[in-house]
């Protein structure tokens, strides 16, 4: 089976000289791909008054309604740990969700320093309304890859994130 390939990154960005390292080219390919695919998601989320971070936090809060932790809530620190893309200030993300009526804060009765956040019915309804459209956007963006290619891509991306410590040999 012959796959259709587009121009290389070097051609796309008009780079005259080859990249200094294959690692440099791979990193810049990740950045270019994230930027290209992310634009559609940014636009989609903005249409619904969200950002990628607020959407991700809402999904974490929805997941809290299904887990073993205190039902239906997460501490801000837990939200920060579970975010797909790290954000510098989870408090602001929660502020935004609360202002939109999509989440609410509540203090821990045992330790008033701990603030829990839980999704509201409005937040749950919004996610339910977006679920199928988000999946369709994923299919539209990456559906041209075979299941095997997607599995390989996912495996390589995980491997790239979890590099060995300095001095350790990389696994093949």
Protein backbone atom coordinates (compact mmCIF):
# COMPACT_ATOMS: atom_id res chain seq x y z
CA UNK A 1 0.00 0.00 0.00
CA UNK A 2 1.45 3.33 -1.02
CA UNK A 3 0.95 6.27 1.35
CA UNK A 4 0.67 9.86 0.24
CA UNK A 5 3.36 12.04 1.70
CA UNK A 6 3.40 15.79 1.84
CA UNK A 7 6.41 18.04 1.67
CA UNK A 8 9.07 17.65 4.33
CA UNK A 9 9.26 20.12 7.18
CA UNK A 10 12.35 21.62 5.56
CA UNK A 11 10.31 22.31 2.42
CA UNK A 12 7.25 23.55 4.36
CA UNK A 13 9.19 26.21 6.23
CA UNK A 14 11.53 27.10 3.35
CA UNK A 15 14.67 26.05 5.19
CA UNK A 16 17.61 26.12 2.78
CA UNK A 17 20.08 24.01 4.79
CA UNK A 18 19.37 20.60 6.32
CA UNK A 19 18.61 20.47 10.03
CA UNK A 20 21.64 20.26 12.32
CA UNK A 21 20.35 17.12 14.04
CA UNK A 22 17.57 14.62 13.39
CA UNK A 23 16.43 15.36 16.98
CA UNK A 24 16.05 19.02 16.03
CA UNK A 25 13.95 18.13 13.00
CA UNK A 26 11.78 15.75 15.08
CA UNK A 27 11.19 18.41 17.75
CA UNK A 28 10.30 21.06 15.18
CA UNK A 29 7.99 18.56 13.44
CA UNK A 30 6.20 18.05 16.79
CA UNK A 31 5.83 21.80 17.24
CA UNK A 32 4.58 22.30 13.68
CA UNK A 33 2.10 19.41 13.94
CA UNK A 34 0.80 20.54 17.34
CA UNK A 35 0.32 24.04 16.00
CA UNK A 36 -1.41 22.85 12.83
CA UNK A 37 -3.80 20.46 14.57
CA UNK A 38 -4.34 22.71 17.59
CA UNK A 39 -5.75 25.62 15.59
CA UNK A 40 -8.96 23.73 14.84
CA UNK A 41 -9.40 22.76 18.49
CA UNK A 42 -8.73 26.32 19.68
CA UNK A 43 -11.38 27.61 17.30
CA UNK A 44 -13.86 24.90 18.33
CA UNK A 45 -13.35 25.51 22.06
CA UNK A 46 -13.55 29.29 21.64
CA UNK A 47 -16.97 28.90 19.95
CA UNK A 48 -18.14 27.34 23.23
CA UNK A 49 -16.47 29.84 25.55
CA UNK A 50 -13.69 27.42 26.49
CA UNK A 51 -9.97 27.02 26.05
CA UNK A 52 -8.08 23.76 25.72
CA UNK A 53 -7.15 24.03 29.42
CA UNK A 54 -10.71 24.68 30.63
CA UNK A 55 -12.01 21.82 28.49
CA UNK A 56 -9.33 19.49 29.88
CA UNK A 57 -10.14 20.53 33.47
CA UNK A 58 -13.85 19.91 32.85
CA UNK A 59 -13.08 16.41 31.58
CA UNK A 60 -10.99 15.74 34.68
CA UNK A 61 -13.88 16.88 36.86
CA UNK A 62 -16.33 14.71 34.94
CA UNK A 63 -13.98 11.78 35.46
CA UNK A 64 -14.03 12.51 39.19
CA UNK A 65 -17.69 11.54 39.23
CA UNK A 66 -16.64 8.02 38.22
CA UNK A 67 -13.53 7.39 40.33
CA UNK A 68 -12.58 6.18 43.81
CA UNK A 69 -11.61 9.61 45.22
CA UNK A 70 -14.20 11.74 46.99
CA UNK A 71 -17.07 11.46 44.53
CA UNK A 72 -17.46 14.20 42.04
CA UNK A 73 -14.61 16.44 43.09
CA UNK A 74 -10.88 17.03 42.73
CA UNK A 75 -8.43 19.24 44.59
CA UNK A 76 -6.80 21.91 42.43
CA UNK A 77 -3.46 20.14 42.82
CA UNK A 78 -4.98 16.93 41.43
CA UNK A 79 -6.41 18.81 38.46
CA UNK A 80 -2.97 20.25 37.74
CA UNK A 81 -1.34 16.81 37.89
CA UNK A 82 -3.89 15.30 35.51
CA UNK A 83 -3.86 18.04 32.86
CA UNK A 84 -2.70 16.84 29.43
CA UNK A 85 -0.83 20.10 28.85
CA UNK A 86 0.61 21.65 31.99
CA UNK A 87 -0.71 25.11 32.84
CA UNK A 88 1.07 27.52 35.17
CA UNK A 89 -2.00 28.49 37.15
CA UNK A 90 -4.77 25.95 37.69
CA UNK A 91 -6.50 28.43 39.98
CA UNK A 92 -7.20 30.72 37.02
CA UNK A 93 -8.57 27.82 35.00
CA UNK A 94 -10.91 26.97 37.89
CA UNK A 95 -11.83 30.67 38.28
CA UNK A 96 -12.88 30.72 34.64
CA UNK A 97 -14.94 27.53 34.96
CA UNK A 98 -16.64 28.87 38.07
CA UNK A 99 -17.39 32.21 36.41
CA UNK A 100 -19.01 30.33 33.51
CA UNK A 101 -21.10 28.26 35.95
CA UNK A 102 -19.43 25.03 34.79
CA UNK A 103 -17.74 24.17 38.10
CA UNK A 104 -17.93 25.13 41.73
CA UNK A 105 -15.49 25.19 44.62
CA UNK A 106 -16.05 23.71 48.06
CA UNK A 107 -13.75 23.59 51.09
CA UNK A 108 -12.66 20.32 52.62
CA UNK A 109 -14.38 20.06 56.03
CA UNK A 110 -11.35 18.31 57.57
CA UNK A 111 -8.74 20.75 56.21
CA UNK A 112 -9.96 24.22 55.23
CA UNK A 113 -6.74 24.82 53.27
CA UNK A 114 -7.84 22.24 50.71
CA UNK A 115 -10.24 23.46 48.06
CA UNK A 116 -12.16 20.93 46.02
CA UNK A 117 -13.70 21.62 42.65
CA UNK A 118 -16.65 19.79 41.18
CA UNK A 119 -18.42 19.97 37.86
CA UNK A 120 -21.91 21.45 37.76
CA UNK A 121 -24.87 20.12 35.80
CA UNK A 122 -24.27 22.90 33.29
CA UNK A 123 -20.65 21.75 32.89
CA UNK A 124 -21.74 18.14 32.49
CA UNK A 125 -24.33 19.13 29.87
CA UNK A 126 -21.79 21.14 27.92
CA UNK A 127 -19.35 18.22 27.82
CA UNK A 128 -22.09 15.85 26.72
CA UNK A 129 -22.99 18.24 23.91
CA UNK A 130 -19.35 18.43 22.77
CA UNK A 131 -18.31 14.77 23.08
CA UNK A 132 -19.32 13.51 19.62
CA UNK A 133 -18.09 16.66 17.88
CA UNK A 134 -14.67 16.35 19.55
CA UNK A 135 -14.38 12.70 18.48
CA UNK A 136 -15.31 13.68 14.94
CA UNK A 137 -12.62 16.36 14.92
CA UNK A 138 -10.06 13.75 16.04
CA UNK A 139 -11.22 11.43 13.25
CA UNK A 140 -11.05 14.20 10.66
CA UNK A 141 -7.53 15.20 11.68
CA UNK A 142 -5.93 11.78 12.07
CA UNK A 143 -8.31 9.33 10.43
CA UNK A 144 -6.08 9.07 7.36
CA UNK A 145 -3.54 7.14 9.45
CA UNK A 146 -3.94 3.39 9.75
CA UNK A 147 -4.54 1.79 13.17
CA UNK A 148 -0.96 0.48 13.04
CA UNK A 149 0.43 3.93 12.23
CA UNK A 150 -1.56 5.45 15.08
CA UNK A 151 -0.29 2.79 17.49
CA UNK A 152 3.30 3.41 16.38
CA UNK A 153 2.88 7.19 16.64
CA UNK A 154 1.43 6.88 20.15
CA UNK A 155 4.21 4.53 21.24
CA UNK A 156 6.91 6.86 19.89
CA UNK A 157 5.36 9.95 21.50
CA UNK A 158 5.22 8.22 24.88
CA UNK A 159 8.83 7.11 24.45
CA UNK A 160 9.88 10.68 23.55
CA UNK A 161 8.25 12.06 26.73
CA UNK A 162 9.86 9.47 28.99
CA UNK A 163 13.49 9.76 28.04
CA UNK A 164 16.10 7.87 30.02
CA UNK A 165 18.07 9.74 32.68
CA UNK A 166 21.36 11.32 31.57
CA UNK A 167 24.04 8.68 31.10
CA UNK A 168 21.58 5.79 30.70
CA UNK A 169 21.44 3.96 27.40
CA UNK A 170 18.35 4.60 25.28
CA UNK A 171 16.20 1.57 24.52
CA UNK A 172 15.80 0.62 20.87
